[in-house]
Amino acid sequence: MSETAIITGAAGGIGESVARRLAASGARCVLVDRSPAVEQVAASIGGAAVVGDLTDPELSLRMVKTAGDRLDLLVLNAGTNSVDKDPATLDLDRYQAVVGVNQHSVVYGLRAALPVMRRQGSGSIVVTASHAALRGVEQDPIYTMTKHAAIGLVRALSGPLSREGIRFSAVCPGLVDTPLTAGARDRFQAAGIPMLTADEVAAAVVETLRTGEPGTELVVDPGRAPTRYLPAPLT
């Protein structure tokens, strides 16, 4: 039986690369994004597309329904940057949008997917986090906050879910050359700051889906082998 996978934020970048890798290995993929471009990506790999806003919890229910009766792999990859550095001048609409995509949509995805995985007694979930999940990034404190929240959720839930046969892990890449960072690419290159390709991160995501221990935080840096980090449980 072929695997069924859902990948969010799959119209381009890391999500598209993950979908292509999973489809090439035989998985039936459901690609989710607010951009209609996701339909072309899905068609190119023989997958299904779900277009909509992941800040709406109903979209997560719809993507799981599209997957059908089985869900083996879930990649909660959708993310966005913030442009607000000072909470005193924060644009609240932008703030809600960033938190909605980076933080709330992870919870909505779990809420929709876990009942299916629990019924089948198995599944693997990976959240695309960031270096910003593990340290403070002063250039984008709101983004940093949301990625800390995501990694906190992995740390809190990976143990209980593993006892139900469900692996829950995270991948934490450094700077990645994707549409999200395209506007600053020239500046990074001029400063000599190396960037990962989307496919390098996708390879780490797929590896973690397949073989990662529950609670793995896979740190990915340009030019280095990925580093696995397993936080010690609190006692």
Protein backbone atom coordinates (compact mmCIF):
# COMPACT_ATOMS: atom_id res chain seq x y z
CA MET A 1 0.00 0.00 0.00
CA SER A 2 1.42 3.38 -0.98
CA GLU A 3 1.79 6.05 1.67
CA THR A 4 -0.41 9.13 1.82
CA ALA A 5 1.23 12.45 2.66
CA ILE A 6 0.05 16.00 3.29
CA ILE A 7 2.48 18.89 2.79
CA THR A 8 1.52 22.47 3.67
CA GLY A 9 3.13 25.50 2.08
CA ALA A 10 3.72 23.38 -1.03
CA ALA A 11 3.34 25.88 -3.89
CA GLY A 12 7.10 26.44 -3.90
CA GLY A 13 10.28 26.34 -1.85
CA ILE A 14 10.77 23.64 0.77
CA GLY A 15 7.20 22.36 0.59
CA GLU A 16 7.32 21.80 -3.16
CA SER A 17 10.69 20.04 -2.88
CA VAL A 18 9.37 17.77 -0.12
CA ALA A 19 6.31 16.90 -2.20
CA ARG A 20 8.44 16.05 -5.23
CA ARG A 21 10.71 13.81 -3.18
CA LEU A 22 7.81 11.99 -1.54
CA ALA A 23 5.96 11.55 -4.82
CA ALA A 24 9.12 10.16 -6.44
CA SER A 25 9.24 7.52 -3.69
CA GLY A 26 5.66 6.48 -4.43
CA ALA A 27 3.67 8.49 -1.91
CA ARG A 28 0.28 9.93 -2.82
CA CYS A 29 0.58 13.60 -1.95
CA VAL A 30 -1.91 16.27 -0.95
CA LEU A 31 -0.38 19.72 -1.43
CA VAL A 32 -1.77 22.69 0.49
CA ASP A 33 -1.13 26.39 -0.05
CA ARG A 34 -2.96 29.70 -0.28
CA SER A 35 -1.41 30.26 -3.72
CA PRO A 36 -3.31 28.71 -6.65
CA ALA A 37 0.14 27.80 -8.05
CA VAL A 38 -0.05 24.74 -5.81
CA GLU A 39 -2.50 23.21 -8.29
CA GLN A 40 0.16 23.17 -11.03
CA VAL A 41 2.72 21.62 -8.69
CA ALA A 42 0.23 18.95 -7.60
CA ALA A 43 -0.70 18.16 -11.20
CA SER A 44 2.97 17.76 -12.14
CA ILE A 45 3.48 14.99 -9.55
CA GLY A 46 0.06 13.34 -9.82
CA GLY A 47 -1.08 14.69 -6.46
CA ALA A 48 -4.10 16.57 -5.16
CA ALA A 49 -4.19 20.28 -4.34
CA VAL A 50 -6.06 22.14 -1.61
CA VAL A 51 -6.04 25.93 -1.96
CA GLY A 52 -6.87 28.12 0.99
CA ASP A 53 -5.78 30.00 4.09
CA LEU A 54 -4.18 27.80 6.75
CA THR A 55 -5.05 30.35 9.43
CA ASP A 56 -8.61 29.02 9.03
CA PRO A 57 -8.92 25.73 10.95
CA GLU A 58 -11.49 24.48 8.44
CA LEU A 59 -8.79 24.26 5.77
CA SER A 60 -6.85 21.73 7.84
CA LEU A 61 -9.98 19.62 8.16
CA ARG A 62 -10.46 19.85 4.40
CA MET A 63 -6.91 18.77 3.60
CA VAL A 64 -7.22 15.70 5.83
CA LYS A 65 -10.56 14.85 4.24
CA THR A 66 -8.90 15.12 0.82
CA ALA A 67 -6.23 12.65 1.94
CA GLY A 68 -8.92 10.03 2.59
CA ASP A 69 -9.06 7.24 5.14
CA ARG A 70 -5.31 7.00 5.67
CA LEU A 71 -2.61 9.53 6.52
CA ASP A 72 0.95 8.31 6.92
CA LEU A 73 3.04 11.47 6.61
CA LEU A 74 2.29 15.07 7.57
CA VAL A 75 4.67 17.95 6.89
CA LEU A 76 3.58 21.18 8.57
CA ASN A 77 5.80 23.43 6.53
CA ALA A 78 3.84 26.63 5.81
CA GLY A 79 5.52 29.72 7.19
CA THR A 80 5.97 33.45 6.74
CA ASN A 81 8.26 36.21 7.95
CA SER A 82 7.41 39.32 9.91
CA VAL A 83 8.62 42.83 9.13
CA ASP A 84 7.88 44.29 12.56
CA LYS A 85 10.80 44.52 14.96
CA ASP A 86 9.36 46.77 17.69
CA PRO A 87 6.23 45.64 19.58
CA ALA A 88 5.45 49.29 20.31
CA THR A 89 4.75 49.93 16.61
CA LEU A 90 3.43 46.50 15.73
CA ASP A 91 0.86 46.26 12.95
CA LEU A 92 -1.71 43.98 14.53
CA ASP A 93 -3.11 42.63 11.27
CA ARG A 94 0.37 41.57 10.15
CA TYR A 95 1.05 40.14 13.59
CA GLN A 96 -2.10 38.01 13.50
CA ALA A 97 -1.22 36.78 10.01
CA VAL A 98 2.30 35.67 11.02
CA VAL A 99 1.16 33.95 14.20
CA GLY A 100 -1.73 32.39 12.32
CA VAL A 101 0.49 30.76 9.69
CA ASN A 102 3.56 29.87 11.77
CA GLN A 103 1.89 28.85 15.00
CA HIS A 104 -1.87 28.35 14.81
CA SER A 105 -1.78 26.36 11.57
CA VAL A 106 0.52 23.81 13.21
CA VAL A 107 -2.04 23.26 15.95
CA TYR A 108 -4.89 23.15 13.43
CA GLY A 109 -2.99 20.60 11.37
CA LEU A 110 -2.48 18.36 14.39
CA ARG A 111 -6.10 18.78 15.43
CA ALA A 112 -7.26 17.57 12.02
CA ALA A 113 -4.68 14.82 11.42
CA LEU A 114 -4.25 13.12 14.78
CA PRO A 115 -7.67 11.39 14.85
CA VAL A 116 -6.81 9.63 11.57
CA MET A 117 -3.32 8.63 12.72
CA ARG A 118 -4.67 7.40 16.04
CA ARG A 119 -7.23 5.21 14.33
CA GLN A 120 -4.53 3.54 12.27
CA GLY A 121 -2.02 3.50 15.15
CA SER A 122 0.81 5.06 13.16
CA GLY A 123 2.07 8.16 11.42
CA SER A 124 4.98 10.56 11.15
CA ILE A 125 4.76 14.34 11.50
CA VAL A 126 7.49 16.90 10.86
CA VAL A 127 7.27 20.63 11.53
CA THR A 128 9.53 22.94 9.53
CA ALA A 129 10.97 25.12 12.26
CA SER A 130 14.15 27.24 11.97
CA HIS A 131 17.35 28.22 13.70
CA ALA A 132 15.05 30.88 15.12
CA ALA A 133 13.32 28.11 17.08
CA LEU A 134 16.52 27.51 19.02
CA ARG A 135 17.88 31.03 19.58
CA GLY A 136 16.75 34.64 19.50
CA VAL A 137 16.91 36.39 16.12
CA GLU A 138 16.72 40.12 16.73
CA GLN A 139 16.04 40.86 13.06
CA ASP A 140 12.62 39.18 13.38
CA PRO A 141 11.41 38.74 16.96
CA ILE A 142 7.82 37.84 16.03
CA TYR A 143 8.97 35.07 13.68
CA THR A 144 11.35 33.92 16.42
CA MET A 145 8.51 33.75 18.91
CA THR A 146 6.35 31.62 16.63
CA LYS A 147 9.16 29.17 15.86
CA HIS A 148 9.96 28.84 19.57
CA ALA A 149 6.29 27.98 20.05
CA ALA A 150 6.44 25.33 17.35
CA ILE A 151 9.52 23.64 18.80
CA GLY A 152 7.97 23.81 22.28
CA LEU A 153 4.97 21.93 20.97
CA VAL A 154 7.21 19.24 19.49
CA ARG A 155 9.08 18.89 22.77
CA ALA A 156 5.88 18.63 24.78
CA LEU A 157 3.95 16.25 22.51
CA SER A 158 6.60 13.99 20.97
CA GLY A 159 6.72 11.70 23.98
CA PRO A 160 2.97 11.16 24.42
CA LEU A 161 2.45 10.74 20.66
CA SER A 162 5.30 8.24 20.36
CA ARG A 163 3.49 6.02 22.85
CA GLU A 164 0.60 5.96 20.38
CA GLY A 165 2.85 4.99 17.48
CA ILE A 166 3.09 8.51 16.03
CA ARG A 167 6.46 10.21 15.49
CA PHE A 168 6.54 13.99 15.93
CA SER A 169 9.75 15.87 15.07
CA ALA A 170 11.12 19.13 13.69
CA VAL A 171 13.67 20.29 11.16
CA CYS A 172 15.49 23.53 11.97
CA PRO A 173 17.25 24.99 8.91
CA GLY A 174 19.38 28.07 8.69
CA LEU A 175 18.84 30.58 5.89
CA VAL A 176 17.17 28.92 2.90
CA ASP A 177 17.00 30.25 -0.65
CA THR A 178 13.22 30.24 -1.16
CA PRO A 179 10.60 32.75 -2.34
CA LEU A 180 10.28 33.81 1.31
CA THR A 181 13.88 35.09 1.36
CA ALA A 182 14.13 36.16 -2.29
CA GLY A 183 13.94 39.86 -1.46
CA ALA A 184 17.08 39.68 0.69
CA ARG A 185 19.05 37.14 -1.40
CA ASP A 186 21.40 39.71 -2.95
CA ARG A 187 22.12 41.23 0.46
CA PHE A 188 22.95 37.83 1.95
CA GLN A 189 25.21 36.97 -0.98
CA ALA A 190 27.00 40.32 -0.78
CA ALA A 191 27.62 39.73 2.92
CA GLY A 192 29.00 36.26 2.22
CA ILE A 193 26.23 34.55 4.16
CA PRO A 194 25.72 31.01 2.83
CA MET A 195 22.21 29.77 2.11
CA LEU A 196 20.70 26.31 1.90
CA THR A 197 18.75 25.20 -1.13
CA ALA A 198 15.14 24.20 -0.65
CA ASP A 199 16.01 20.67 -1.79
CA GLU A 200 18.72 20.33 0.87
CA VAL A 201 16.15 21.08 3.54
CA ALA A 202 13.59 18.83 1.84
CA ALA A 203 16.05 15.95 2.00
CA ALA A 204 16.39 16.51 5.75
CA VAL A 205 12.61 16.66 6.18
CA VAL A 206 12.07 13.39 4.30
CA GLU A 207 14.88 11.68 6.22
CA THR A 208 13.32 12.78 9.50
CA LEU A 209 9.87 11.61 8.39
CA ARG A 210 11.27 8.19 7.56
CA THR A 211 13.86 7.51 10.23
CA GLY A 212 13.87 10.25 12.85
CA GLU A 213 13.38 9.32 16.46
CA PRO A 214 10.35 10.96 18.10
CA GLY A 215 11.23 14.45 19.25
CA THR A 216 14.20 14.81 16.91
CA GLU A 217 15.23 18.39 16.15
CA LEU A 218 17.35 18.15 13.00
CA VAL A 219 19.51 21.27 12.64
CA VAL A 220 20.52 21.96 9.03
CA ASP A 221 23.34 24.35 8.11
CA PRO A 222 24.94 25.13 4.73
CA GLY A 223 28.00 22.99 4.02
CA ARG A 224 27.61 20.76 7.07
CA ALA A 225 26.05 17.41 7.78
CA PRO A 226 22.71 17.80 9.60
CA THR A 227 22.94 17.56 13.38
CA ARG A 228 20.39 15.56 15.33
CA TYR A 229 19.39 16.94 18.68
CA LEU A 230 17.18 15.07 21.13
CA PRO A 231 16.27 17.21 24.16
CA ALA A 232 16.42 15.36 27.46
CA PRO A 233 12.94 14.81 28.94
CA LEU A 234 12.03 16.69 32.08
CA THR A 235 11.82 14.51 35.17
